[in-house]
Amino acid sequence: EAIAWHLAESLGVPAERIRRVLFNEITAGAIREAFAHPRQIDMDKVNAQQARRILDRIVGYEVSPLLWRKVARGLSAGRVQTVAVRLIVEREREIDAFQPEEYWRIGGVFTPDLAGAARLSADWAALLATRDARGNGPTRDRQQAFLAERGAFR
């Protein structure tokens, strides 16, 4: 949109005389269809592009020199780049803060009561499927408490 508008401006052609075609694939059919339905330049899209360009310059021109002084020469910042870097840094911090926890998963049901064994097995599977807010399964202490509640350590 912005390219069409800039061309019209540079050539001095009034916007109402300009038509724009849009196609999303380079096939004969798509191009014919686009030329069959030309449209005027969408000034809302042009204005949105201009606003993004201005924001890019404000952020980049103001933040980049700050980075040069405070962090390292040659670094740059931008409207999109700064947010992307922030997401990467946050994820890297999560990775650095990760504390591995050892866990074991052992299955076994030892009982002469087959009906009770099926119920215990289903309850155990349900316990193992539970997750806390961080997405972790039940702790070793919680698993031992579960078994103790059911008389597993007699």
N, C-alpha and C. Protein backbone atom coordinates (compact mmCIF):
# COMPACT_ATOMS: atom_id res chain seq x y z
N GLU A 1 0.84 -1.18 0.00
CA GLU A 1 0.00 0.00 0.00
C GLU A 1 0.88 1.24 0.00
N ALA A 2 1.85 1.25 0.91
CA ALA A 2 2.72 2.42 1.02
C ALA A 2 3.54 2.62 -0.25
N ILE A 3 3.98 1.54 -0.86
CA ILE A 3 4.77 1.67 -2.09
C ILE A 3 3.92 2.32 -3.19
N ALA A 4 2.68 1.86 -3.33
CA ALA A 4 1.80 2.45 -4.35
C ALA A 4 1.58 3.93 -4.07
N TRP A 5 1.37 4.28 -2.82
CA TRP A 5 1.14 5.67 -2.45
C TRP A 5 2.39 6.52 -2.74
N HIS A 6 3.57 5.99 -2.38
CA HIS A 6 4.82 6.72 -2.64
C HIS A 6 5.03 6.93 -4.13
N LEU A 7 4.73 5.91 -4.93
CA LEU A 7 4.86 6.07 -6.38
C LEU A 7 3.92 7.16 -6.89
N ALA A 8 2.68 7.15 -6.43
CA ALA A 8 1.72 8.18 -6.85
C ALA A 8 2.22 9.56 -6.46
N GLU A 9 2.74 9.69 -5.25
CA GLU A 9 3.26 10.97 -4.77
C GLU A 9 4.45 11.42 -5.63
N SER A 10 5.38 10.50 -5.87
CA SER A 10 6.58 10.85 -6.65
C SER A 10 6.24 11.22 -8.09
N LEU A 11 5.25 10.56 -8.67
CA LEU A 11 4.87 10.83 -10.05
C LEU A 11 3.90 11.99 -10.18
N GLY A 12 3.40 12.47 -9.04
CA GLY A 12 2.47 13.59 -9.06
C GLY A 12 1.10 13.23 -9.60
N VAL A 13 0.72 11.98 -9.49
CA VAL A 13 -0.58 11.53 -9.98
C VAL A 13 -1.58 11.61 -8.83
N PRO A 14 -2.75 12.21 -9.04
CA PRO A 14 -3.75 12.28 -7.98
C PRO A 14 -4.16 10.87 -7.53
N ALA A 15 -4.33 10.70 -6.23
CA ALA A 15 -4.65 9.38 -5.66
C ALA A 15 -5.90 8.77 -6.26
N GLU A 16 -6.90 9.60 -6.60
CA GLU A 16 -8.14 9.05 -7.15
C GLU A 16 -7.96 8.44 -8.54
N ARG A 17 -6.85 8.76 -9.20
CA ARG A 17 -6.59 8.18 -10.53
C ARG A 17 -5.79 6.88 -10.44
N ILE A 18 -5.26 6.59 -9.29
CA ILE A 18 -4.42 5.40 -9.11
C ILE A 18 -5.28 4.20 -8.74
N ARG A 19 -4.96 3.04 -9.31
CA ARG A 19 -5.61 1.79 -8.94
C ARG A 19 -4.51 0.81 -8.54
N ARG A 20 -4.85 -0.02 -7.59
CA ARG A 20 -3.86 -0.96 -7.07
C ARG A 20 -4.42 -2.36 -7.21
N VAL A 21 -3.55 -3.31 -7.57
CA VAL A 21 -3.96 -4.71 -7.64
C VAL A 21 -3.22 -5.48 -6.55
N LEU A 22 -3.87 -6.48 -6.05
CA LEU A 22 -3.30 -7.27 -4.97
C LEU A 22 -3.48 -8.75 -5.30
N PHE A 23 -2.37 -9.51 -5.24
CA PHE A 23 -2.47 -10.95 -5.44
C PHE A 23 -1.53 -11.62 -4.45
N ASN A 24 -1.92 -12.82 -4.05
CA ASN A 24 -1.17 -13.55 -3.03
C ASN A 24 -0.43 -14.76 -3.58
N GLU A 25 -0.51 -14.94 -4.86
CA GLU A 25 0.24 -16.03 -5.49
C GLU A 25 0.60 -15.61 -6.90
N ILE A 26 1.71 -16.11 -7.38
CA ILE A 26 2.16 -15.73 -8.72
C ILE A 26 1.75 -16.84 -9.68
N THR A 27 0.46 -16.81 -10.01
CA THR A 27 -0.08 -17.73 -11.01
C THR A 27 -0.87 -16.89 -12.00
N ALA A 28 -1.02 -17.40 -13.19
CA ALA A 28 -1.75 -16.64 -14.22
C ALA A 28 -3.16 -16.30 -13.73
N GLY A 29 -3.83 -17.26 -13.13
CA GLY A 29 -5.20 -17.04 -12.66
C GLY A 29 -5.28 -15.97 -11.58
N ALA A 30 -4.37 -16.03 -10.62
CA ALA A 30 -4.40 -15.05 -9.52
C ALA A 30 -4.10 -13.64 -10.04
N ILE A 31 -3.17 -13.53 -10.96
CA ILE A 31 -2.82 -12.21 -11.50
C ILE A 31 -3.96 -11.67 -12.36
N ARG A 32 -4.58 -12.53 -13.17
CA ARG A 32 -5.74 -12.08 -13.96
C ARG A 32 -6.87 -11.61 -13.04
N GLU A 33 -7.12 -12.36 -11.99
CA GLU A 33 -8.17 -12.01 -11.03
C GLU A 33 -7.87 -10.67 -10.36
N ALA A 34 -6.62 -10.44 -10.00
CA ALA A 34 -6.24 -9.17 -9.37
C ALA A 34 -6.46 -8.01 -10.32
N PHE A 35 -6.07 -8.17 -11.57
CA PHE A 35 -6.25 -7.08 -12.54
C PHE A 35 -7.72 -6.89 -12.92
N ALA A 36 -8.52 -7.90 -12.72
CA ALA A 36 -9.96 -7.77 -12.99
C ALA A 36 -10.66 -6.97 -11.90
N HIS A 37 -10.03 -6.86 -10.73
CA HIS A 37 -10.64 -6.15 -9.60
C HIS A 37 -9.65 -5.16 -8.97
N PRO A 38 -9.20 -4.16 -9.72
CA PRO A 38 -8.29 -3.17 -9.12
C PRO A 38 -9.04 -2.33 -8.09
N ARG A 39 -8.31 -1.77 -7.16
CA ARG A 39 -8.95 -0.95 -6.13
C ARG A 39 -8.12 0.29 -5.87
N GLN A 40 -8.69 1.22 -5.13
CA GLN A 40 -7.96 2.43 -4.78
C GLN A 40 -6.99 2.12 -3.64
N ILE A 41 -6.03 3.01 -3.48
CA ILE A 41 -5.08 2.87 -2.38
C ILE A 41 -5.83 3.05 -1.06
N ASP A 42 -5.58 2.16 -0.13
CA ASP A 42 -6.22 2.22 1.19
C ASP A 42 -5.37 3.13 2.08
N MET A 43 -5.84 4.36 2.26
CA MET A 43 -5.06 5.34 3.02
C MET A 43 -4.93 4.97 4.49
N ASP A 44 -5.86 4.19 5.03
CA ASP A 44 -5.70 3.73 6.41
C ASP A 44 -4.44 2.87 6.54
N LYS A 45 -4.20 2.01 5.55
CA LYS A 45 -3.00 1.18 5.57
C LYS A 45 -1.75 2.03 5.36
N VAL A 46 -1.82 3.02 4.50
CA VAL A 46 -0.68 3.92 4.28
C VAL A 46 -0.37 4.66 5.58
N ASN A 47 -1.39 5.20 6.23
CA ASN A 47 -1.18 5.93 7.48
C ASN A 47 -0.63 5.02 8.58
N ALA A 48 -1.09 3.77 8.63
CA ALA A 48 -0.56 2.82 9.61
C ALA A 48 0.92 2.57 9.36
N GLN A 49 1.30 2.44 8.09
CA GLN A 49 2.72 2.24 7.76
C GLN A 49 3.54 3.45 8.15
N GLN A 50 3.02 4.63 7.91
CA GLN A 50 3.74 5.86 8.27
C GLN A 50 3.93 5.93 9.79
N ALA A 51 2.89 5.57 10.54
CA ALA A 51 3.00 5.58 12.00
C ALA A 51 4.06 4.58 12.47
N ARG A 52 4.09 3.39 11.88
CA ARG A 52 5.11 2.39 12.25
C ARG A 52 6.50 2.91 11.93
N ARG A 53 6.64 3.57 10.78
CA ARG A 53 7.95 4.11 10.39
C ARG A 53 8.42 5.14 11.40
N ILE A 54 7.51 6.01 11.82
CA ILE A 54 7.86 7.05 12.80
C ILE A 54 8.23 6.40 14.13
N LEU A 55 7.44 5.42 14.57
CA LEU A 55 7.77 4.73 15.83
C LEU A 55 9.12 4.03 15.75
N ASP A 56 9.39 3.40 14.60
CA ASP A 56 10.69 2.75 14.43
C ASP A 56 11.82 3.76 14.62
N ARG A 57 11.65 4.93 14.06
CA ARG A 57 12.70 5.95 14.16
C ARG A 57 12.80 6.50 15.57
N ILE A 58 11.67 6.76 16.20
CA ILE A 58 11.72 7.30 17.56
C ILE A 58 12.41 6.30 18.49
N VAL A 59 11.96 5.05 18.46
CA VAL A 59 12.55 4.04 19.34
C VAL A 59 14.01 3.82 18.98
N GLY A 60 14.27 3.57 17.71
CA GLY A 60 15.65 3.28 17.29
C GLY A 60 16.60 4.43 17.52
N TYR A 61 16.19 5.65 17.17
CA TYR A 61 17.08 6.80 17.30
C TYR A 61 17.31 7.18 18.75
N GLU A 62 16.34 6.90 19.62
CA GLU A 62 16.49 7.27 21.02
C GLU A 62 17.18 6.17 21.83
N VAL A 63 16.81 4.92 21.59
CA VAL A 63 17.31 3.84 22.42
C VAL A 63 18.69 3.35 21.97
N SER A 64 18.96 3.33 20.67
CA SER A 64 20.25 2.82 20.20
C SER A 64 21.43 3.58 20.79
N PRO A 65 21.45 4.93 20.79
CA PRO A 65 22.58 5.62 21.41
C PRO A 65 22.72 5.32 22.90
N LEU A 66 21.60 5.10 23.57
CA LEU A 66 21.66 4.72 24.99
C LEU A 66 22.35 3.37 25.14
N LEU A 67 22.03 2.43 24.26
CA LEU A 67 22.70 1.13 24.29
C LEU A 67 24.20 1.29 24.04
N TRP A 68 24.56 2.17 23.12
CA TRP A 68 25.98 2.37 22.82
C TRP A 68 26.72 2.86 24.05
N ARG A 69 26.08 3.78 24.78
CA ARG A 69 26.75 4.35 25.97
C ARG A 69 26.77 3.38 27.14
N LYS A 70 25.68 2.65 27.34
CA LYS A 70 25.53 1.85 28.55
C LYS A 70 25.95 0.38 28.39
N VAL A 71 25.84 -0.16 27.18
CA VAL A 71 26.10 -1.59 27.01
C VAL A 71 27.31 -1.82 26.11
N ALA A 72 27.13 -1.62 24.82
CA ALA A 72 28.23 -1.87 23.88
C ALA A 72 27.98 -1.12 22.59
N ARG A 73 29.03 -0.62 22.03
CA ARG A 73 28.95 0.11 20.77
C ARG A 73 28.43 -0.80 19.65
N GLY A 74 27.62 -0.26 18.78
CA GLY A 74 27.13 -1.02 17.64
C GLY A 74 25.82 -1.75 17.87
N LEU A 75 25.33 -1.77 19.11
CA LEU A 75 24.03 -2.40 19.36
C LEU A 75 22.92 -1.50 18.85
N SER A 76 21.80 -2.10 18.50
CA SER A 76 20.69 -1.28 18.02
C SER A 76 19.40 -1.74 18.67
N ALA A 77 18.41 -0.87 18.62
CA ALA A 77 17.09 -1.18 19.17
C ALA A 77 16.05 -0.73 18.17
N GLY A 78 14.91 -1.36 18.22
CA GLY A 78 13.82 -0.98 17.33
C GLY A 78 12.49 -1.42 17.91
N ARG A 79 11.43 -0.95 17.31
CA ARG A 79 10.07 -1.22 17.78
C ARG A 79 9.80 -2.72 17.91
N VAL A 80 10.19 -3.51 16.93
CA VAL A 80 9.95 -4.95 16.94
C VAL A 80 11.14 -5.68 17.57
N GLN A 81 12.32 -5.26 17.21
CA GLN A 81 13.54 -5.91 17.68
C GLN A 81 13.63 -5.90 19.20
N THR A 82 13.29 -4.79 19.83
CA THR A 82 13.41 -4.66 21.28
C THR A 82 12.49 -5.66 21.98
N VAL A 83 11.27 -5.81 21.50
CA VAL A 83 10.33 -6.76 22.10
C VAL A 83 10.81 -8.19 21.89
N ALA A 84 11.31 -8.49 20.71
CA ALA A 84 11.79 -9.84 20.41
C ALA A 84 12.97 -10.20 21.32
N VAL A 85 13.88 -9.26 21.51
CA VAL A 85 15.03 -9.50 22.38
C VAL A 85 14.55 -9.73 23.82
N ARG A 86 13.55 -8.96 24.25
CA ARG A 86 13.01 -9.13 25.60
C ARG A 86 12.45 -10.54 25.79
N LEU A 87 11.71 -11.04 24.80
CA LEU A 87 11.16 -12.40 24.89
C LEU A 87 12.28 -13.44 24.99
N ILE A 88 13.33 -13.24 24.22
CA ILE A 88 14.46 -14.17 24.25
C ILE A 88 15.14 -14.14 25.61
N VAL A 89 15.35 -12.94 26.14
CA VAL A 89 16.01 -12.80 27.45
C VAL A 89 15.17 -13.44 28.54
N GLU A 90 13.85 -13.21 28.52
CA GLU A 90 12.98 -13.82 29.53
C GLU A 90 13.06 -15.34 29.47
N ARG A 91 13.04 -15.89 28.27
CA ARG A 91 13.12 -17.35 28.12
C ARG A 91 14.47 -17.88 28.60
N GLU A 92 15.52 -17.16 28.29
CA GLU A 92 16.86 -17.56 28.73
C GLU A 92 16.95 -17.55 30.25
N ARG A 93 16.33 -16.56 30.88
CA ARG A 93 16.32 -16.50 32.36
C ARG A 93 15.54 -17.68 32.95
N GLU A 94 14.43 -18.05 32.31
CA GLU A 94 13.68 -19.23 32.76
C GLU A 94 14.54 -20.48 32.68
N ILE A 95 15.28 -20.61 31.58
CA ILE A 95 16.15 -21.77 31.41
C ILE A 95 17.24 -21.78 32.47
N ASP A 96 17.85 -20.61 32.73
CA ASP A 96 18.90 -20.51 33.75
C ASP A 96 18.37 -20.83 35.14
N ALA A 97 17.12 -20.46 35.43
CA ALA A 97 16.53 -20.67 36.75
C ALA A 97 16.00 -22.09 36.95
N PHE A 98 15.99 -22.88 35.89
CA PHE A 98 15.44 -24.24 35.98
C PHE A 98 16.24 -25.07 36.98
N GLN A 99 15.52 -25.72 37.88
CA GLN A 99 16.14 -26.61 38.85
C GLN A 99 15.68 -28.04 38.55
N PRO A 100 16.57 -28.87 38.03
CA PRO A 100 16.14 -30.24 37.73
C PRO A 100 15.82 -30.99 39.02
N GLU A 101 14.80 -31.82 38.96
CA GLU A 101 14.41 -32.62 40.10
C GLU A 101 14.42 -34.09 39.69
N GLU A 102 15.09 -34.90 40.50
CA GLU A 102 15.13 -36.32 40.21
C GLU A 102 13.77 -36.93 40.56
N TYR A 103 13.30 -37.79 39.70
CA TYR A 103 12.06 -38.49 40.01
C TYR A 103 12.12 -39.88 39.40
N TRP A 104 11.33 -40.75 39.99
CA TRP A 104 11.27 -42.12 39.53
C TRP A 104 9.82 -42.49 39.34
N ARG A 105 9.54 -43.27 38.35
CA ARG A 105 8.19 -43.76 38.15
C ARG A 105 8.27 -45.29 38.11
N ILE A 106 7.73 -45.89 39.15
CA ILE A 106 7.74 -47.34 39.24
C ILE A 106 6.30 -47.79 39.45
N GLY A 107 5.89 -48.76 38.71
CA GLY A 107 4.53 -49.26 38.86
C GLY A 107 4.52 -50.65 39.43
N GLY A 108 3.55 -50.91 40.24
CA GLY A 108 3.39 -52.25 40.79
C GLY A 108 2.22 -52.28 41.75
N VAL A 109 1.44 -53.31 41.68
CA VAL A 109 0.33 -53.50 42.60
C VAL A 109 0.44 -54.93 43.12
N PHE A 110 0.58 -55.05 44.43
CA PHE A 110 0.76 -56.37 45.05
C PHE A 110 -0.35 -56.56 46.08
N THR A 111 -1.38 -57.26 45.68
CA THR A 111 -2.52 -57.48 46.58
C THR A 111 -3.30 -58.70 46.12
N PRO A 112 -3.86 -59.43 47.07
CA PRO A 112 -4.73 -60.54 46.67
C PRO A 112 -6.12 -60.06 46.25
N ASP A 113 -6.46 -58.80 46.55
CA ASP A 113 -7.78 -58.23 46.24
C ASP A 113 -7.73 -57.59 44.86
N LEU A 114 -8.18 -58.30 43.82
CA LEU A 114 -8.09 -57.79 42.45
C LEU A 114 -8.93 -56.54 42.24
N ALA A 115 -10.10 -56.46 42.84
CA ALA A 115 -10.94 -55.26 42.69
C ALA A 115 -10.24 -54.06 43.32
N GLY A 116 -9.64 -54.26 44.48
CA GLY A 116 -8.90 -53.18 45.14
C GLY A 116 -7.68 -52.78 44.33
N ALA A 117 -7.04 -53.75 43.68
CA ALA A 117 -5.86 -53.46 42.86
C ALA A 117 -6.22 -52.57 41.69
N ALA A 118 -7.35 -52.85 41.04
CA ALA A 118 -7.77 -52.02 39.91
C ALA A 118 -8.07 -50.60 40.36
N ARG A 119 -8.74 -50.46 41.52
CA ARG A 119 -9.06 -49.13 42.05
C ARG A 119 -7.77 -48.38 42.42
N LEU A 120 -6.84 -49.08 43.10
CA LEU A 120 -5.57 -48.46 43.48
C LEU A 120 -4.79 -48.04 42.25
N SER A 121 -4.78 -48.88 41.23
CA SER A 121 -4.07 -48.56 40.00
C SER A 121 -4.66 -47.32 39.33
N ALA A 122 -5.99 -47.21 39.29
CA ALA A 122 -6.65 -46.05 38.69
C ALA A 122 -6.36 -44.79 39.50
N ASP A 123 -6.42 -44.92 40.85
CA ASP A 123 -6.14 -43.76 41.71
C ASP A 123 -4.69 -43.30 41.54
N TRP A 124 -3.77 -44.26 41.43
CA TRP A 124 -2.35 -43.95 41.26
C TRP A 124 -2.12 -43.23 39.92
N ALA A 125 -2.77 -43.70 38.87
CA ALA A 125 -2.64 -43.05 37.55
C ALA A 125 -3.18 -41.63 37.61
N ALA A 126 -4.30 -41.44 38.32
CA ALA A 126 -4.87 -40.09 38.46
C ALA A 126 -3.92 -39.18 39.22
N LEU A 127 -3.30 -39.72 40.28
CA LEU A 127 -2.33 -38.92 41.05
C LEU A 127 -1.16 -38.50 40.16
N LEU A 128 -0.63 -39.43 39.39
CA LEU A 128 0.52 -39.12 38.53
C LEU A 128 0.16 -38.12 37.43
N ALA A 129 -1.11 -38.04 37.07
CA ALA A 129 -1.54 -37.11 36.02
C ALA A 129 -1.71 -35.68 36.55
N THR A 130 -1.74 -35.50 37.87
CA THR A 130 -1.93 -34.15 38.42
C THR A 130 -0.68 -33.31 38.20
N ARG A 131 -0.89 -32.01 38.03
CA ARG A 131 0.21 -31.07 37.80
C ARG A 131 0.01 -29.85 38.68
N ASP A 132 1.12 -29.29 39.18
CA ASP A 132 1.03 -28.04 39.95
C ASP A 132 1.07 -26.85 38.99
N ALA A 133 1.11 -25.64 39.53
CA ALA A 133 1.07 -24.43 38.71
C ALA A 133 2.26 -24.36 37.75
N ARG A 134 3.38 -24.98 38.10
CA ARG A 134 4.56 -24.95 37.23
C ARG A 134 4.59 -26.12 36.25
N GLY A 135 3.55 -26.96 36.30
CA GLY A 135 3.48 -28.08 35.37
C GLY A 135 4.18 -29.33 35.84
N ASN A 136 4.59 -29.35 37.12
CA ASN A 136 5.30 -30.51 37.66
C ASN A 136 4.31 -31.52 38.22
N GLY A 137 4.68 -32.80 38.13
CA GLY A 137 3.85 -33.86 38.70
C GLY A 137 4.00 -33.89 40.22
N PRO A 138 3.37 -34.87 40.87
CA PRO A 138 3.42 -34.95 42.33
C PRO A 138 4.84 -35.22 42.83
N THR A 139 5.18 -34.62 43.95
CA THR A 139 6.51 -34.81 44.53
C THR A 139 6.63 -36.21 45.11
N ARG A 140 7.84 -36.58 45.44
CA ARG A 140 8.08 -37.89 46.06
C ARG A 140 7.32 -38.00 47.38
N ASP A 141 7.34 -36.90 48.16
CA ASP A 141 6.63 -36.90 49.44
C ASP A 141 5.14 -37.12 49.24
N ARG A 142 4.56 -36.47 48.22
CA ARG A 142 3.13 -36.63 47.95
C ARG A 142 2.82 -38.06 47.52
N GLN A 143 3.70 -38.66 46.74
CA GLN A 143 3.50 -40.04 46.30
C GLN A 143 3.58 -41.00 47.48
N GLN A 144 4.56 -40.76 48.38
CA GLN A 144 4.68 -41.63 49.55
C GLN A 144 3.47 -41.47 50.47
N ALA A 145 2.97 -40.23 50.61
CA ALA A 145 1.78 -40.01 51.43
C ALA A 145 0.58 -40.75 50.84
N PHE A 146 0.45 -40.70 49.53
CA PHE A 146 -0.64 -41.41 48.84
C PHE A 146 -0.58 -42.90 49.18
N LEU A 147 0.61 -43.49 49.08
CA LEU A 147 0.76 -44.92 49.35
C LEU A 147 0.52 -45.23 50.83
N ALA A 148 1.02 -44.36 51.71
CA ALA A 148 0.83 -44.57 53.15
C ALA A 148 -0.65 -44.52 53.52
N GLU A 149 -1.39 -43.60 52.90
CA GLU A 149 -2.84 -43.49 53.17
C GLU A 149 -3.57 -44.78 52.80
N ARG A 150 -3.01 -45.54 51.90
CA ARG A 150 -3.65 -46.77 51.44
C ARG A 150 -2.99 -48.02 52.04
N GLY A 151 -2.17 -47.83 53.08
CA GLY A 151 -1.59 -48.96 53.79
C GLY A 151 -0.48 -49.68 53.07
N ALA A 152 0.22 -49.01 52.19
CA ALA A 152 1.26 -49.68 51.40
C ALA A 152 2.52 -49.99 52.21
N PHE A 153 2.70 -49.36 53.37
CA PHE A 153 3.95 -49.54 54.11
C PHE A 153 3.74 -50.35 55.39
N ARG A 154 2.72 -51.21 55.43
CA ARG A 154 2.46 -52.01 56.64
C ARG A 154 3.46 -53.11 56.78
